[in-house]
Amino acid sequence: MIMEERKPKILLAEDDTNLGMVLKNYLELNDYDVELCRDGILALAAFRREKFDICLLDIMMPNMDGFKLAEEIRDVDPDIPLFFLSAKTMKEDIIQGYKLGADDYISKPFDSELLLLKIKAILKRNQELNNKEEEVHEFVIGSYTFNSRLRTLAHNGETHTLSPKENELLHMLCEHKNDLLPRELALKKIWGSDTYFNGRSMDVYIAKLRKYLKDDTNIEIVNIHGNGFRLVVKEV
């Protein structure tokens, strides 16, 4: 008996009934399993109830807007791919979306075929990251021990589990320890492209890594303006 391959499952939060149904039907025709919710509270309940592979969130919705919904989703799963679909095109709104950890911010009206290609790309990238077997996966960073296969960062008997993006970024920094990690290289490998907004997203992750490593003053992640980052570990 041949088992049917599981379709990727999408959470679509969209209060425009016509757009929601058109998009749902289009994605289902392209072999995705789509759950459509018409407000943020219903979408959050669905997310907590089921396992999704990606979330597509409108911003202006009743009861709970897309930004608040994204915060709640990130509290449950900090790594799930998340796209905002919005008519709000102000730079401040777009920046806020990326600060919340969005993988993309797509302005309405949008091309459904382009959205489909972006969904395929992000799911393929995540699958490759999850399946990747690394030859070198254990690193000593000052007084920290980092295992990129287990996604763990240990220090003074305490172990923190990193998100996939945090893990991949720290792994690349370790591979370039005390040398330059080119910004473009990290963006293309982890985010898929070196756009301005992906760059802002990476800056957020760099700030997180600095926070995780702050207890050892001999470690510093240095910003080489316009070029990239250096993980500097002073010998003691």
C-alpha atoms as a PDB file:
ATOM      1  CA  MET A   1       0.000   0.000   0.000  1.00  0.00           C
ATOM      2  CA  ILE A   2       1.449   3.386  -1.045  1.00  0.00           C
ATOM      3  CA  MET A   3       1.046   6.070   1.609  1.00  0.00           C
ATOM      4  CA  GLU A   4      -0.125   9.427   0.313  1.00  0.00           C
ATOM      5  CA  GLU A   5       2.415  12.185   0.882  1.00  0.00           C
ATOM      6  CA  ARG A   6       1.282  14.762   3.433  1.00  0.00           C
ATOM      7  CA  LYS A   7       0.363  18.113   1.932  1.00  0.00           C
ATOM      8  CA  PRO A   8       1.962  21.187   3.525  1.00  0.00           C
ATOM      9  CA  LYS A   9      -0.615  22.869   5.768  1.00  0.00           C
ATOM     10  CA  ILE A  10      -1.198  26.622   5.596  1.00  0.00           C
ATOM     11  CA  LEU A  11      -2.956  28.854   8.128  1.00  0.00           C
ATOM     12  CA  LEU A  12      -4.578  31.698   6.184  1.00  0.00           C
ATOM     13  CA  ALA A  13      -5.954  34.547   8.325  1.00  0.00           C
ATOM     14  CA  GLU A  14      -7.930  36.906   6.061  1.00  0.00           C
ATOM     15  CA  ASP A  15     -11.154  38.796   6.861  1.00  0.00           C
ATOM     16  CA  ASP A  16     -11.967  39.621   3.214  1.00  0.00           C
ATOM     17  CA  THR A  17     -14.301  36.727   2.377  1.00  0.00           C
ATOM     18  CA  ASN A  18     -13.842  36.903  -1.396  1.00  0.00           C
ATOM     19  CA  LEU A  19     -10.046  37.207  -1.315  1.00  0.00           C
ATOM     20  CA  GLY A  20      -9.807  34.536   1.361  1.00  0.00           C
ATOM     21  CA  MET A  21     -11.816  31.988  -0.598  1.00  0.00           C
ATOM     22  CA  VAL A  22     -10.059  32.754  -3.906  1.00  0.00           C
ATOM     23  CA  LEU A  23      -6.646  32.367  -2.281  1.00  0.00           C
ATOM     24  CA  LYS A  24      -7.678  29.238  -0.384  1.00  0.00           C
ATOM     25  CA  ASN A  25      -8.970  27.592  -3.561  1.00  0.00           C
ATOM     26  CA  TYR A  26      -5.855  28.600  -5.526  1.00  0.00           C
ATOM     27  CA  LEU A  27      -3.487  27.164  -2.922  1.00  0.00           C
ATOM     28  CA  GLU A  28      -5.529  23.975  -2.603  1.00  0.00           C
ATOM     29  CA  LEU A  29      -5.346  23.508  -6.372  1.00  0.00           C
ATOM     30  CA  ASN A  30      -1.566  23.618  -5.950  1.00  0.00           C
ATOM     31  CA  ASP A  31      -1.544  20.797  -3.390  1.00  0.00           C
ATOM     32  CA  TYR A  32      -1.645  22.733  -0.129  1.00  0.00           C
ATOM     33  CA  ASP A  33      -3.994  22.045   2.765  1.00  0.00           C
ATOM     34  CA  VAL A  34      -5.431  25.440   3.778  1.00  0.00           C
ATOM     35  CA  GLU A  35      -7.379  26.488   6.862  1.00  0.00           C
ATOM     36  CA  LEU A  36      -9.054  29.880   6.371  1.00  0.00           C
ATOM     37  CA  CYS A  37      -9.886  31.961   9.453  1.00  0.00           C
ATOM     38  CA  ARG A  38     -11.646  35.322   9.230  1.00  0.00           C
ATOM     39  CA  ASP A  39     -10.286  36.968  12.372  1.00  0.00           C
ATOM     40  CA  GLY A  40      -7.216  36.809  14.551  1.00  0.00           C
ATOM     41  CA  ILE A  41      -8.791  35.053  17.525  1.00  0.00           C
ATOM     42  CA  LEU A  42     -10.108  32.195  15.384  1.00  0.00           C
ATOM     43  CA  ALA A  43      -6.733  31.924  13.640  1.00  0.00           C
ATOM     44  CA  LEU A  44      -4.867  31.734  16.955  1.00  0.00           C
ATOM     45  CA  ALA A  45      -7.231  29.018  18.195  1.00  0.00           C
ATOM     46  CA  ALA A  46      -6.618  27.044  14.990  1.00  0.00           C
ATOM     47  CA  PHE A  47      -2.846  27.475  15.332  1.00  0.00           C
ATOM     48  CA  ARG A  48      -2.894  26.160  18.890  1.00  0.00           C
ATOM     49  CA  ARG A  49      -5.098  23.240  17.852  1.00  0.00           C
ATOM     50  CA  GLU A  50      -3.268  22.024  14.734  1.00  0.00           C
ATOM     51  CA  LYS A  51       0.213  21.748  13.212  1.00  0.00           C
ATOM     52  CA  PHE A  52       0.902  24.179  10.361  1.00  0.00           C
ATOM     53  CA  ASP A  53       3.875  24.569   8.029  1.00  0.00           C
ATOM     54  CA  ILE A  54       3.417  28.285   7.240  1.00  0.00           C
ATOM     55  CA  CYS A  55       1.140  31.185   8.250  1.00  0.00           C
ATOM     56  CA  LEU A  56      -0.244  33.846   5.903  1.00  0.00           C
ATOM     57  CA  LEU A  57      -1.635  36.733   7.948  1.00  0.00           C
ATOM     58  CA  ASP A  58      -3.663  39.760   6.973  1.00  0.00           C
ATOM     59  CA  ILE A  59      -2.944  42.709   9.284  1.00  0.00           C
ATOM     60  CA  MET A  60      -6.252  44.578   9.479  1.00  0.00           C
ATOM     61  CA  MET A  61      -8.659  42.019  10.986  1.00  0.00           C
ATOM     62  CA  PRO A  62     -11.420  42.232  13.602  1.00  0.00           C
ATOM     63  CA  ASN A  63     -10.927  41.083  17.231  1.00  0.00           C
ATOM     64  CA  MET A  64      -7.155  40.643  16.876  1.00  0.00           C
ATOM     65  CA  ASP A  65      -4.989  42.257  14.210  1.00  0.00           C
ATOM     66  CA  GLY A  66      -2.244  40.458  12.324  1.00  0.00           C
ATOM     67  CA  PHE A  67       0.611  42.007  14.308  1.00  0.00           C
ATOM     68  CA  LYS A  68      -0.829  40.825  17.631  1.00  0.00           C
ATOM     69  CA  LEU A  69      -1.618  37.435  16.093  1.00  0.00           C
ATOM     70  CA  ALA A  70       2.005  37.140  14.911  1.00  0.00           C
ATOM     71  CA  GLU A  71       3.251  37.865  18.459  1.00  0.00           C
ATOM     72  CA  GLU A  72       1.006  35.128  19.849  1.00  0.00           C
ATOM     73  CA  ILE A  73       2.094  32.664  17.157  1.00  0.00           C
ATOM     74  CA  ARG A  74       5.768  33.424  17.807  1.00  0.00           C
ATOM     75  CA  ASP A  75       5.214  32.687  21.518  1.00  0.00           C
ATOM     76  CA  VAL A  76       3.990  29.201  20.565  1.00  0.00           C
ATOM     77  CA  ASP A  77       6.443  28.505  17.723  1.00  0.00           C
ATOM     78  CA  PRO A  78       9.267  31.016  17.137  1.00  0.00           C
ATOM     79  CA  ASP A  79      10.391  29.318  13.920  1.00  0.00           C
ATOM     80  CA  ILE A  80       7.313  28.758  11.764  1.00  0.00           C
ATOM     81  CA  PRO A  81       7.499  30.645   8.434  1.00  0.00           C
ATOM     82  CA  LEU A  82       5.210  33.665   8.518  1.00  0.00           C
ATOM     83  CA  PHE A  83       4.112  36.016   5.723  1.00  0.00           C
ATOM     84  CA  PHE A  84       2.105  39.205   6.162  1.00  0.00           C
ATOM     85  CA  LEU A  85      -0.409  39.950   3.385  1.00  0.00           C
ATOM     86  CA  SER A  86      -1.471  43.553   3.785  1.00  0.00           C
ATOM     87  CA  ALA A  87      -2.815  46.674   2.148  1.00  0.00           C
ATOM     88  CA  LYS A  88      -0.739  48.663   4.672  1.00  0.00           C
ATOM     89  CA  THR A  89       2.305  49.798   2.700  1.00  0.00           C
ATOM     90  CA  MET A  90       3.810  52.385   5.056  1.00  0.00           C
ATOM     91  CA  LYS A  91       7.483  51.737   5.731  1.00  0.00           C
ATOM     92  CA  GLU A  92       6.792  51.710   9.485  1.00  0.00           C
ATOM     93  CA  ASP A  93       4.252  48.879   9.101  1.00  0.00           C
ATOM     94  CA  ILE A  94       6.625  46.839   6.944  1.00  0.00           C
ATOM     95  CA  ILE A  95       9.481  47.306   9.419  1.00  0.00           C
ATOM     96  CA  GLN A  96       7.196  46.313  12.294  1.00  0.00           C
ATOM     97  CA  GLY A  97       6.269  43.150  10.393  1.00  0.00           C
ATOM     98  CA  TYR A  98       9.901  42.149   9.973  1.00  0.00           C
ATOM     99  CA  LYS A  99      10.677  42.997  13.602  1.00  0.00           C
ATOM    100  CA  LEU A 100       8.013  40.470  14.561  1.00  0.00           C
ATOM    101  CA  GLY A 101       9.992  37.842  12.660  1.00  0.00           C
ATOM    102  CA  ALA A 102       8.125  37.786   9.355  1.00  0.00           C
ATOM    103  CA  ASP A 103       9.810  35.931   6.510  1.00  0.00           C
ATOM    104  CA  ASP A 104       8.098  38.185   3.981  1.00  0.00           C
ATOM    105  CA  TYR A 105       5.742  41.181   3.809  1.00  0.00           C
ATOM    106  CA  ILE A 106       3.590  41.111   0.695  1.00  0.00           C
ATOM    107  CA  SER A 107       1.574  44.180  -0.233  1.00  0.00           C
ATOM    108  CA  LYS A 108      -1.957  43.894  -1.621  1.00  0.00           C
ATOM    109  CA  PRO A 109      -2.882  43.539  -4.391  1.00  0.00           C
ATOM    110  CA  PHE A 110      -0.371  40.791  -5.106  1.00  0.00           C
ATOM    111  CA  ASP A 111       0.300  38.207  -7.776  1.00  0.00           C
ATOM    112  CA  SER A 112      -0.949  34.799  -6.549  1.00  0.00           C
ATOM    113  CA  GLU A 113       1.629  32.963  -8.653  1.00  0.00           C
ATOM    114  CA  LEU A 114       4.453  34.989  -7.080  1.00  0.00           C
ATOM    115  CA  LEU A 115       3.064  34.231  -3.606  1.00  0.00           C
ATOM    116  CA  LEU A 116       3.008  30.539  -4.495  1.00  0.00           C
ATOM    117  CA  LEU A 117       6.658  30.648  -5.590  1.00  0.00           C
ATOM    118  CA  LYS A 118       7.643  32.378  -2.348  1.00  0.00           C
ATOM    119  CA  ILE A 119       5.786  29.771  -0.276  1.00  0.00           C
ATOM    120  CA  LYS A 120       7.517  26.951  -2.149  1.00  0.00           C
ATOM    121  CA  ALA A 121      10.919  28.604  -1.682  1.00  0.00           C
ATOM    122  CA  ILE A 122      10.550  29.172   2.058  1.00  0.00           C
ATOM    123  CA  LEU A 123       9.274  25.641   2.708  1.00  0.00           C
ATOM    124  CA  LYS A 124      12.079  24.159   0.594  1.00  0.00           C
ATOM    125  CA  ARG A 125      14.663  26.222   2.467  1.00  0.00           C
ATOM    126  CA  ASN A 126      13.335  25.150   5.857  1.00  0.00           C
ATOM    127  CA  GLN A 127      13.304  21.512   4.787  1.00  0.00           C
ATOM    128  CA  GLU A 128      16.914  21.773   3.660  1.00  0.00           C
ATOM    129  CA  LEU A 129      17.911  23.393   6.962  1.00  0.00           C
ATOM    130  CA  ASN A 130      16.123  20.714   8.956  1.00  0.00           C
ATOM    131  CA  ASN A 131      17.633  17.878   6.909  1.00  0.00           C
ATOM    132  CA  LYS A 132      21.155  19.231   6.793  1.00  0.00           C
ATOM    133  CA  GLU A 133      23.825  16.987   8.263  1.00  0.00           C
ATOM    134  CA  GLU A 134      26.859  19.013   9.265  1.00  0.00           C
ATOM    135  CA  GLU A 135      30.326  17.492   9.486  1.00  0.00           C
ATOM    136  CA  VAL A 136      31.453  19.902  12.207  1.00  0.00           C
ATOM    137  CA  HIS A 137      28.714  20.525  14.715  1.00  0.00           C
ATOM    138  CA  GLU A 138      30.423  21.122  18.061  1.00  0.00           C
ATOM    139  CA  PHE A 139      32.134  24.430  18.838  1.00  0.00           C
ATOM    140  CA  VAL A 140      33.699  25.967  21.926  1.00  0.00           C
ATOM    141  CA  ILE A 141      33.003  29.715  22.060  1.00  0.00           C
ATOM    142  CA  GLY A 142      34.829  31.109  25.063  1.00  0.00           C
ATOM    143  CA  SER A 143      33.077  29.589  28.071  1.00  0.00           C
ATOM    144  CA  TYR A 144      30.133  28.392  25.935  1.00  0.00           C
ATOM    145  CA  THR A 145      29.651  25.061  24.187  1.00  0.00           C
ATOM    146  CA  PHE A 146      27.605  25.137  20.979  1.00  0.00           C
ATOM    147  CA  ASN A 147      26.181  22.029  19.291  1.00  0.00           C
ATOM    148  CA  SER A 148      24.637  22.996  15.961  1.00  0.00           C
ATOM    149  CA  ARG A 149      23.208  19.527  15.363  1.00  0.00           C
ATOM    150  CA  LEU A 150      21.239  19.631  18.604  1.00  0.00           C
ATOM    151  CA  ARG A 151      20.768  23.436  18.360  1.00  0.00           C
ATOM    152  CA  THR A 152      22.015  23.838  21.932  1.00  0.00           C
ATOM    153  CA  LEU A 153      24.109  26.562  23.546  1.00  0.00           C
ATOM    154  CA  ALA A 154      25.415  25.563  26.983  1.00  0.00           C
ATOM    155  CA  HIS A 155      26.999  27.752  29.655  1.00  0.00           C
ATOM    156  CA  ASN A 156      27.677  27.146  33.348  1.00  0.00           C
ATOM    157  CA  GLY A 157      25.473  24.067  33.452  1.00  0.00           C
ATOM    158  CA  GLU A 158      22.517  25.741  31.712  1.00  0.00           C
ATOM    159  CA  THR A 159      21.464  24.801  28.182  1.00  0.00           C
ATOM    160  CA  HIS A 160      19.459  26.984  25.798  1.00  0.00           C
ATOM    161  CA  THR A 161      17.818  25.623  22.645  1.00  0.00           C
ATOM    162  CA  LEU A 162      18.255  27.904  19.637  1.00  0.00           C
ATOM    163  CA  SER A 163      15.733  28.454  16.862  1.00  0.00           C
ATOM    164  CA  PRO A 164      16.744  27.140  13.407  1.00  0.00           C
ATOM    165  CA  LYS A 165      17.714  30.611  12.148  1.00  0.00           C
ATOM    166  CA  GLU A 166      19.632  31.464  15.333  1.00  0.00           C
ATOM    167  CA  ASN A 167      21.381  28.121  15.050  1.00  0.00           C
ATOM    168  CA  GLU A 168      22.322  28.522  11.384  1.00  0.00           C
ATOM    169  CA  LEU A 169      23.555  32.073  11.932  1.00  0.00           C
ATOM    170  CA  LEU A 170      25.681  31.148  14.951  1.00  0.00           C
ATOM    171  CA  HIS A 171      27.051  28.144  13.043  1.00  0.00           C
ATOM    172  CA  MET A 172      28.147  30.398  10.179  1.00  0.00           C
ATOM    173  CA  LEU A 173      29.717  32.851  12.635  1.00  0.00           C
ATOM    174  CA  CYS A 174      31.628  29.968  14.256  1.00  0.00           C
ATOM    175  CA  GLU A 175      32.865  28.789  10.851  1.00  0.00           C
ATOM    176  CA  HIS A 176      34.217  32.332  10.320  1.00  0.00           C
ATOM    177  CA  LYS A 177      35.375  32.857  13.939  1.00  0.00           C
ATOM    178  CA  ASN A 178      37.651  35.909  14.251  1.00  0.00           C
ATOM    179  CA  ASP A 179      37.135  36.488  10.533  1.00  0.00           C
ATOM    180  CA  LEU A 180      34.511  38.290   8.460  1.00  0.00           C
ATOM    181  CA  LEU A 181      31.155  36.595   7.835  1.00  0.00           C
ATOM    182  CA  PRO A 182      29.938  38.460   4.733  1.00  0.00           C
ATOM    183  CA  ARG A 183      26.451  39.867   5.210  1.00  0.00           C
ATOM    184  CA  GLU A 184      25.379  38.859   1.699  1.00  0.00           C
ATOM    185  CA  LEU A 185      26.542  35.263   2.211  1.00  0.00           C
ATOM    186  CA  ALA A 186      24.552  34.825   5.444  1.00  0.00           C
ATOM    187  CA  LEU A 187      21.429  36.445   4.003  1.00  0.00           C
ATOM    188  CA  LYS A 188      21.401  34.332   0.859  1.00  0.00           C
ATOM    189  CA  LYS A 189      22.117  31.084   2.714  1.00  0.00           C
ATOM    190  CA  ILE A 190      19.643  31.549   5.591  1.00  0.00           C
ATOM    191  CA  TRP A 191      17.022  34.013   4.320  1.00  0.00           C
ATOM    192  CA  GLY A 192      17.203  33.171   0.617  1.00  0.00           C
ATOM    193  CA  SER A 193      18.014  36.704  -0.609  1.00  0.00           C
ATOM    194  CA  ASP A 194      19.894  39.807   0.533  1.00  0.00           C
ATOM    195  CA  THR A 195      17.015  42.294   0.450  1.00  0.00           C
ATOM    196  CA  TYR A 196      16.874  45.310   2.777  1.00  0.00           C
ATOM    197  CA  PHE A 197      14.102  43.821   4.883  1.00  0.00           C
ATOM    198  CA  ASN A 198      15.804  40.434   5.190  1.00  0.00           C
ATOM    199  CA  GLY A 199      18.839  42.392   6.368  1.00  0.00           C
ATOM    200  CA  ARG A 200      16.744  44.036   9.076  1.00  0.00           C
ATOM    201  CA  SER A 201      15.473  40.622  10.099  1.00  0.00           C
ATOM    202  CA  MET A 202      19.042  39.295  10.358  1.00  0.00           C
ATOM    203  CA  ASP A 203      19.996  42.261  12.550  1.00  0.00           C
ATOM    204  CA  VAL A 204      17.280  41.171  15.002  1.00  0.00           C
ATOM    205  CA  TYR A 205      18.783  37.668  15.143  1.00  0.00           C
ATOM    206  CA  ILE A 206      22.300  39.062  15.652  1.00  0.00           C
ATOM    207  CA  ALA A 207      20.966  41.043  18.624  1.00  0.00           C
ATOM    208  CA  LYS A 208      19.485  37.826  20.047  1.00  0.00           C
ATOM    209  CA  LEU A 209      22.798  35.991  19.725  1.00  0.00           C
ATOM    210  CA  ARG A 210      24.623  38.852  21.456  1.00  0.00           C
ATOM    211  CA  LYS A 211      22.174  38.556  24.346  1.00  0.00           C
ATOM    212  CA  TYR A 212      22.711  34.780  24.608  1.00  0.00           C
ATOM    213  CA  LEU A 213      26.509  35.243  24.696  1.00  0.00           C
ATOM    214  CA  LYS A 214      26.627  38.289  26.990  1.00  0.00           C
ATOM    215  CA  ASP A 215      27.824  36.411  30.100  1.00  0.00           C
ATOM    216  CA  ASP A 216      31.311  35.982  28.660  1.00  0.00           C
ATOM    217  CA  THR A 217      33.020  39.352  28.189  1.00  0.00           C
ATOM    218  CA  ASN A 218      35.676  37.759  25.985  1.00  0.00           C
ATOM    219  CA  ILE A 219      33.068  37.155  23.265  1.00  0.00           C
ATOM    220  CA  GLU A 220      31.839  39.868  20.927  1.00  0.00           C
ATOM    221  CA  ILE A 221      29.871  39.894  17.689  1.00  0.00           C
ATOM    222  CA  VAL A 222      31.251  42.916  15.859  1.00  0.00           C
ATOM    223  CA  ASN A 223      29.348  44.696  13.111  1.00  0.00           C
ATOM    224  CA  ILE A 224      31.671  45.466  10.189  1.00  0.00           C
ATOM    225  CA  HIS A 225      29.629  48.283   8.684  1.00  0.00           C
ATOM    226  CA  GLY A 226      28.310  47.476   5.227  1.00  0.00           C
ATOM    227  CA  ASN A 227      30.242  44.199   5.030  1.00  0.00           C
ATOM    228  CA  GLY A 228      29.077  41.740   7.669  1.00  0.00           C
ATOM    229  CA  PHE A 229      29.933  40.462  11.143  1.00  0.00           C
ATOM    230  CA  ARG A 230      32.875  39.000  13.072  1.00  0.00           C
ATOM    231  CA  LEU A 231      32.551  36.602  15.983  1.00  0.00           C
ATOM    232  CA  VAL A 232      35.542  37.736  18.057  1.00  0.00           C
ATOM    233  CA  VAL A 233      36.671  35.361  20.820  1.00  0.00           C
ATOM    234  CA  LYS A 234      39.586  36.649  22.888  1.00  0.00           C
ATOM    235  CA  GLU A 235      42.040  34.066  24.149  1.00  0.00           C
ATOM    236  CA  VAL A 236      42.450  34.105  27.952  1.00  0.00           C
END
